[in-house]
Amino acid sequence: MDIITVIVGGLLVLFMLYVILRMSHVIMRNVIVGMEFRKNLARKVDALRLNKMLAALGIDVNSYLHSERVLDIEEHIDRCSTCQNTETCDDQLAQGRVQADSIDYCNNEQSLQRIVAGKPAQES
């Protein structure tokens, strides 16, 4: 082997090592950012009646956060935070009379019924 082959081979090995290390760093960073994003979503859900509604319908919040699309969760949060039926919702939650087929007062009625039925989200 001549010296040029050794130098080019060494540079290729160094470049591949750089790519592997950089890719590992980016993947780990994305995992950390994703976990923080999910924690923030969980905090938003927890601050709303949506958390109580999910629990009353027997939907585990962690499963909900991991199985539903982020856009759908954000829509649910927006609908819940702008809801005008808070008194009815509070009354139903306090009395423990929340059932998927009788939540017509809830802005998230269709989505929650679909989740309770175990159907996957519809792609828009």
N, C-alpha and C. Protein backbone atom coordinates (compact mmCIF):
# COMPACT_ATOMS: atom_id res chain seq x y z
N MET A 1 0.84 -1.19 0.00
CA MET A 1 0.00 0.00 0.00
C MET A 1 0.88 1.24 0.00
N ASP A 2 0.45 2.20 -0.74
CA ASP A 2 1.21 3.45 -0.72
C ASP A 2 0.63 4.40 0.31
N ILE A 3 1.29 5.47 0.58
CA ILE A 3 0.95 6.42 1.64
C ILE A 3 -0.38 7.13 1.37
N ILE A 4 -0.71 7.39 0.10
CA ILE A 4 -1.96 8.08 -0.25
C ILE A 4 -3.15 7.20 0.10
N THR A 5 -3.08 5.91 -0.14
CA THR A 5 -4.16 4.99 0.20
C THR A 5 -4.38 4.96 1.71
N VAL A 6 -3.32 4.94 2.48
CA VAL A 6 -3.42 4.94 3.93
C VAL A 6 -4.05 6.24 4.43
N ILE A 7 -3.64 7.36 3.87
CA ILE A 7 -4.19 8.67 4.29
C ILE A 7 -5.66 8.76 3.94
N VAL A 8 -6.03 8.41 2.70
CA VAL A 8 -7.44 8.47 2.28
C VAL A 8 -8.28 7.50 3.12
N GLY A 9 -7.77 6.29 3.35
CA GLY A 9 -8.47 5.32 4.19
C GLY A 9 -8.65 5.83 5.60
N GLY A 10 -7.63 6.45 6.15
CA GLY A 10 -7.71 7.02 7.50
C GLY A 10 -8.73 8.14 7.56
N LEU A 11 -8.76 8.99 6.53
CA LEU A 11 -9.73 10.09 6.49
C LEU A 11 -11.16 9.55 6.39
N LEU A 12 -11.34 8.50 5.60
CA LEU A 12 -12.67 7.89 5.50
C LEU A 12 -13.12 7.30 6.83
N VAL A 13 -12.21 6.64 7.53
CA VAL A 13 -12.53 6.08 8.84
C VAL A 13 -12.89 7.20 9.82
N LEU A 14 -12.12 8.29 9.82
CA LEU A 14 -12.42 9.42 10.71
C LEU A 14 -13.77 10.05 10.36
N PHE A 15 -14.05 10.18 9.06
CA PHE A 15 -15.33 10.76 8.64
C PHE A 15 -16.49 9.86 9.08
N MET A 16 -16.37 8.56 8.89
CA MET A 16 -17.42 7.63 9.32
C MET A 16 -17.62 7.68 10.83
N LEU A 17 -16.55 7.77 11.57
CA LEU A 17 -16.63 7.89 13.03
C LEU A 17 -17.36 9.17 13.42
N TYR A 18 -17.05 10.27 12.74
CA TYR A 18 -17.72 11.54 12.99
C TYR A 18 -19.23 11.41 12.71
N VAL A 19 -19.57 10.81 11.57
CA VAL A 19 -20.98 10.65 11.20
C VAL A 19 -21.71 9.81 12.24
N ILE A 20 -21.13 8.73 12.66
CA ILE A 20 -21.77 7.86 13.65
C ILE A 20 -21.96 8.58 14.98
N LEU A 21 -20.94 9.29 15.44
CA LEU A 21 -21.06 10.03 16.70
C LEU A 21 -22.08 11.16 16.60
N ARG A 22 -22.07 11.86 15.49
CA ARG A 22 -22.99 12.97 15.30
C ARG A 22 -24.44 12.46 15.24
N MET A 23 -24.64 11.36 14.51
CA MET A 23 -25.98 10.79 14.39
C MET A 23 -26.47 10.32 15.76
N SER A 24 -25.62 9.71 16.54
CA SER A 24 -26.00 9.27 17.89
C SER A 24 -26.40 10.46 18.74
N HIS A 25 -25.65 11.53 18.65
CA HIS A 25 -25.97 12.74 19.42
C HIS A 25 -27.32 13.31 19.01
N VAL A 26 -27.57 13.39 17.71
CA VAL A 26 -28.83 13.95 17.22
C VAL A 26 -30.01 13.07 17.65
N ILE A 27 -29.85 11.77 17.56
CA ILE A 27 -30.94 10.86 17.97
C ILE A 27 -31.23 11.02 19.45
N MET A 28 -30.21 11.05 20.28
CA MET A 28 -30.42 11.22 21.72
C MET A 28 -31.07 12.57 22.03
N ARG A 29 -30.66 13.60 21.34
CA ARG A 29 -31.24 14.93 21.55
C ARG A 29 -32.74 14.91 21.18
N ASN A 30 -33.06 14.26 20.07
CA ASN A 30 -34.47 14.17 19.66
C ASN A 30 -35.31 13.40 20.67
N VAL A 31 -34.74 12.35 21.23
CA VAL A 31 -35.45 11.58 22.25
C VAL A 31 -35.72 12.46 23.48
N ILE A 32 -34.74 13.21 23.91
CA ILE A 32 -34.89 14.10 25.07
C ILE A 32 -35.92 15.18 24.80
N VAL A 33 -35.85 15.80 23.62
CA VAL A 33 -36.81 16.84 23.26
C VAL A 33 -38.22 16.26 23.19
N GLY A 34 -38.36 15.06 22.62
CA GLY A 34 -39.66 14.41 22.55
C GLY A 34 -40.24 14.12 23.92
N MET A 35 -39.39 13.67 24.84
CA MET A 35 -39.86 13.40 26.20
C MET A 35 -40.32 14.68 26.88
N GLU A 36 -39.59 15.76 26.70
CA GLU A 36 -39.99 17.04 27.28
C GLU A 36 -41.30 17.53 26.67
N PHE A 37 -41.45 17.34 25.37
CA PHE A 37 -42.67 17.75 24.69
C PHE A 37 -43.87 16.98 25.25
N ARG A 38 -43.70 15.67 25.43
CA ARG A 38 -44.79 14.86 26.00
C ARG A 38 -45.10 15.27 27.43
N LYS A 39 -44.07 15.63 28.20
CA LYS A 39 -44.31 16.09 29.58
C LYS A 39 -45.13 17.38 29.57
N ASN A 40 -44.81 18.29 28.64
CA ASN A 40 -45.57 19.54 28.54
C ASN A 40 -47.01 19.27 28.13
N LEU A 41 -47.21 18.34 27.21
CA LEU A 41 -48.59 17.96 26.84
C LEU A 41 -49.31 17.40 28.05
N ALA A 42 -48.64 16.54 28.81
CA ALA A 42 -49.25 15.95 30.01
C ALA A 42 -49.64 17.03 31.01
N ARG A 43 -48.79 18.03 31.18
CA ARG A 43 -49.12 19.14 32.10
C ARG A 43 -50.34 19.91 31.62
N LYS A 44 -50.42 20.14 30.30
CA LYS A 44 -51.57 20.86 29.76
C LYS A 44 -52.86 20.06 29.96
N VAL A 45 -52.79 18.77 29.69
CA VAL A 45 -53.97 17.90 29.87
C VAL A 45 -54.36 17.86 31.35
N ASP A 46 -53.37 17.77 32.22
CA ASP A 46 -53.62 17.69 33.66
C ASP A 46 -54.28 18.95 34.20
N ALA A 47 -54.00 20.08 33.58
CA ALA A 47 -54.54 21.36 34.06
C ALA A 47 -55.99 21.56 33.64
N LEU A 48 -56.50 20.72 32.77
CA LEU A 48 -57.85 20.88 32.25
C LEU A 48 -58.79 19.79 32.77
N ARG A 49 -60.08 19.97 32.51
CA ARG A 49 -61.07 18.94 32.84
C ARG A 49 -60.85 17.68 31.99
N LEU A 50 -60.11 17.85 30.90
CA LEU A 50 -59.84 16.72 30.01
C LEU A 50 -59.22 15.56 30.77
N ASN A 51 -58.35 15.87 31.71
CA ASN A 51 -57.71 14.84 32.52
C ASN A 51 -58.75 14.04 33.31
N LYS A 52 -59.68 14.74 33.93
CA LYS A 52 -60.73 14.07 34.71
C LYS A 52 -61.68 13.31 33.80
N MET A 53 -61.94 13.87 32.63
CA MET A 53 -62.83 13.21 31.69
C MET A 53 -62.20 11.90 31.19
N LEU A 54 -60.93 11.94 30.87
CA LEU A 54 -60.23 10.73 30.43
C LEU A 54 -60.30 9.66 31.52
N ALA A 55 -60.01 10.06 32.75
CA ALA A 55 -60.04 9.12 33.87
C ALA A 55 -61.44 8.55 34.08
N ALA A 56 -62.45 9.41 33.99
CA ALA A 56 -63.82 8.96 34.19
C ALA A 56 -64.26 7.97 33.11
N LEU A 57 -63.69 8.10 31.92
CA LEU A 57 -64.03 7.20 30.83
C LEU A 57 -63.14 5.95 30.81
N GLY A 58 -62.23 5.87 31.78
CA GLY A 58 -61.35 4.70 31.87
C GLY A 58 -60.18 4.73 30.90
N ILE A 59 -59.81 5.92 30.47
CA ILE A 59 -58.68 6.07 29.54
C ILE A 59 -57.46 6.49 30.34
N ASP A 60 -56.41 5.69 30.26
CA ASP A 60 -55.17 6.01 30.94
C ASP A 60 -54.50 7.18 30.22
N VAL A 61 -54.15 8.23 30.98
CA VAL A 61 -53.59 9.44 30.38
C VAL A 61 -52.27 9.16 29.68
N ASN A 62 -51.41 8.34 30.28
CA ASN A 62 -50.13 8.04 29.64
C ASN A 62 -50.33 7.29 28.33
N SER A 63 -51.23 6.33 28.31
CA SER A 63 -51.53 5.61 27.07
C SER A 63 -52.11 6.57 26.03
N TYR A 64 -52.98 7.45 26.49
CA TYR A 64 -53.58 8.46 25.62
C TYR A 64 -52.51 9.33 24.98
N LEU A 65 -51.56 9.78 25.78
CA LEU A 65 -50.50 10.65 25.27
C LEU A 65 -49.59 9.94 24.29
N HIS A 66 -49.45 8.65 24.41
CA HIS A 66 -48.56 7.91 23.52
C HIS A 66 -49.27 7.30 22.32
N SER A 67 -50.57 7.12 22.41
CA SER A 67 -51.27 6.46 21.30
C SER A 67 -51.94 7.46 20.36
N GLU A 68 -52.29 8.62 20.85
CA GLU A 68 -52.96 9.61 20.00
C GLU A 68 -51.93 10.51 19.31
N ARG A 69 -52.30 11.00 18.15
CA ARG A 69 -51.42 11.92 17.43
C ARG A 69 -51.32 13.24 18.21
N VAL A 70 -50.18 13.87 18.15
CA VAL A 70 -49.96 15.12 18.87
C VAL A 70 -50.95 16.18 18.40
N LEU A 71 -51.20 16.25 17.12
CA LEU A 71 -52.17 17.23 16.62
C LEU A 71 -53.56 17.00 17.20
N ASP A 72 -53.95 15.73 17.33
CA ASP A 72 -55.25 15.42 17.93
C ASP A 72 -55.28 15.82 19.39
N ILE A 73 -54.22 15.54 20.12
CA ILE A 73 -54.16 15.91 21.54
C ILE A 73 -54.24 17.42 21.69
N GLU A 74 -53.52 18.14 20.85
CA GLU A 74 -53.57 19.60 20.93
C GLU A 74 -54.96 20.13 20.59
N GLU A 75 -55.65 19.49 19.63
CA GLU A 75 -57.04 19.86 19.33
C GLU A 75 -57.93 19.61 20.54
N HIS A 76 -57.74 18.46 21.19
CA HIS A 76 -58.54 18.14 22.39
C HIS A 76 -58.31 19.19 23.47
N ILE A 77 -57.06 19.58 23.66
CA ILE A 77 -56.72 20.59 24.66
C ILE A 77 -57.39 21.91 24.32
N ASP A 78 -57.30 22.32 23.05
CA ASP A 78 -57.93 23.58 22.62
C ASP A 78 -59.43 23.55 22.81
N ARG A 79 -60.05 22.44 22.41
CA ARG A 79 -61.52 22.33 22.56
C ARG A 79 -61.92 22.39 24.03
N CYS A 80 -61.16 21.70 24.87
CA CYS A 80 -61.49 21.67 26.29
C CYS A 80 -61.29 23.04 26.93
N SER A 81 -60.22 23.71 26.56
CA SER A 81 -59.93 25.01 27.18
C SER A 81 -60.90 26.10 26.73
N THR A 82 -61.56 25.92 25.59
CA THR A 82 -62.51 26.92 25.11
C THR A 82 -63.96 26.49 25.33
N CYS A 83 -64.16 25.44 26.07
CA CYS A 83 -65.49 24.88 26.29
C CYS A 83 -66.39 25.84 27.06
N GLN A 84 -67.64 25.89 26.66
CA GLN A 84 -68.64 26.73 27.33
C GLN A 84 -69.53 25.92 28.27
N ASN A 85 -69.32 24.60 28.28
CA ASN A 85 -70.18 23.72 29.08
C ASN A 85 -69.50 23.24 30.36
N THR A 86 -68.73 24.10 30.97
CA THR A 86 -67.93 23.67 32.13
C THR A 86 -68.80 23.27 33.32
N GLU A 87 -69.92 23.95 33.52
CA GLU A 87 -70.78 23.60 34.66
C GLU A 87 -71.35 22.20 34.50
N THR A 88 -71.84 21.90 33.31
CA THR A 88 -72.39 20.57 33.05
C THR A 88 -71.31 19.52 33.21
N CYS A 89 -70.14 19.81 32.67
CA CYS A 89 -69.02 18.87 32.77
C CYS A 89 -68.65 18.63 34.23
N ASP A 90 -68.52 19.70 34.99
CA ASP A 90 -68.19 19.56 36.41
C ASP A 90 -69.24 18.75 37.16
N ASP A 91 -70.52 19.02 36.88
CA ASP A 91 -71.60 18.28 37.54
C ASP A 91 -71.52 16.80 37.21
N GLN A 92 -71.35 16.48 35.94
CA GLN A 92 -71.30 15.08 35.52
C GLN A 92 -70.08 14.37 36.11
N LEU A 93 -68.95 15.05 36.12
CA LEU A 93 -67.74 14.46 36.69
C LEU A 93 -67.88 14.25 38.19
N ALA A 94 -68.48 15.24 38.88
CA ALA A 94 -68.64 15.14 40.33
C ALA A 94 -69.61 14.02 40.70
N GLN A 95 -70.62 13.81 39.90
CA GLN A 95 -71.61 12.77 40.18
C GLN A 95 -71.16 11.40 39.69
N GLY A 96 -70.08 11.36 38.93
CA GLY A 96 -69.58 10.09 38.42
C GLY A 96 -70.47 9.46 37.37
N ARG A 97 -71.21 10.29 36.67
CA ARG A 97 -72.13 9.79 35.65
C ARG A 97 -71.60 9.98 34.23
N VAL A 98 -70.31 9.87 34.07
CA VAL A 98 -69.71 10.09 32.75
C VAL A 98 -69.62 8.75 32.02
N GLN A 99 -70.29 8.70 30.88
CA GLN A 99 -70.24 7.52 30.02
C GLN A 99 -70.01 8.02 28.60
N ALA A 100 -69.28 7.26 27.82
CA ALA A 100 -68.91 7.69 26.47
C ALA A 100 -70.12 8.02 25.61
N ASP A 101 -71.22 7.30 25.79
CA ASP A 101 -72.39 7.53 24.94
C ASP A 101 -73.28 8.67 25.43
N SER A 102 -72.92 9.29 26.55
CA SER A 102 -73.76 10.38 27.08
C SER A 102 -72.96 11.62 27.42
N ILE A 103 -71.99 11.94 26.59
CA ILE A 103 -71.18 13.15 26.83
C ILE A 103 -71.39 14.16 25.70
N ASP A 104 -72.65 14.33 25.30
CA ASP A 104 -72.97 15.23 24.19
C ASP A 104 -72.66 16.70 24.52
N TYR A 105 -72.45 17.01 25.77
CA TYR A 105 -72.07 18.36 26.18
C TYR A 105 -70.58 18.63 25.98
N CYS A 106 -69.80 17.60 25.72
CA CYS A 106 -68.34 17.73 25.61
C CYS A 106 -67.92 18.05 24.18
N ASN A 107 -67.05 19.03 24.05
CA ASN A 107 -66.53 19.41 22.73
C ASN A 107 -65.70 18.29 22.10
N ASN A 108 -65.20 17.38 22.92
CA ASN A 108 -64.37 16.28 22.43
C ASN A 108 -65.16 14.96 22.35
N GLU A 109 -66.47 15.07 22.30
CA GLU A 109 -67.34 13.89 22.34
C GLU A 109 -66.94 12.82 21.33
N GLN A 110 -66.83 13.16 20.06
CA GLN A 110 -66.54 12.16 19.03
C GLN A 110 -65.17 11.53 19.23
N SER A 111 -64.18 12.34 19.54
CA SER A 111 -62.82 11.82 19.74
C SER A 111 -62.77 10.88 20.94
N LEU A 112 -63.39 11.28 22.03
CA LEU A 112 -63.37 10.44 23.23
C LEU A 112 -64.14 9.14 23.01
N GLN A 113 -65.24 9.21 22.29
CA GLN A 113 -65.99 7.99 21.99
C GLN A 113 -65.15 7.05 21.14
N ARG A 114 -64.42 7.59 20.18
CA ARG A 114 -63.55 6.78 19.34
C ARG A 114 -62.44 6.13 20.16
N ILE A 115 -61.86 6.89 21.08
CA ILE A 115 -60.79 6.34 21.94
C ILE A 115 -61.33 5.23 22.83
N VAL A 116 -62.50 5.45 23.42
CA VAL A 116 -63.10 4.44 24.29
C VAL A 116 -63.40 3.17 23.49
N ALA A 117 -63.84 3.36 22.26
CA ALA A 117 -64.15 2.20 21.41
C ALA A 117 -62.88 1.49 20.93
N GLY A 118 -61.74 2.15 21.10
CA GLY A 118 -60.47 1.54 20.73
C GLY A 118 -60.13 1.62 19.26
N LYS A 119 -60.75 2.54 18.55
CA LYS A 119 -60.47 2.69 17.13
C LYS A 119 -59.28 3.64 16.93
N PRO A 120 -58.44 3.38 15.94
CA PRO A 120 -57.32 4.28 15.67
C PRO A 120 -57.80 5.61 15.12
N ALA A 121 -56.98 6.63 15.30
CA ALA A 121 -57.32 7.99 14.82
C ALA A 121 -57.43 7.98 13.30
N GLN A 122 -58.36 8.74 12.78
CA GLN A 122 -58.52 8.88 11.33
C GLN A 122 -57.49 9.87 10.81
N GLU A 123 -56.80 9.50 9.75
CA GLU A 123 -55.84 10.40 9.13
C GLU A 123 -56.60 11.49 8.40
N SER A 124 -56.20 12.73 8.60
CA SER A 124 -56.88 13.83 7.95
C SER A 124 -56.24 14.16 6.63
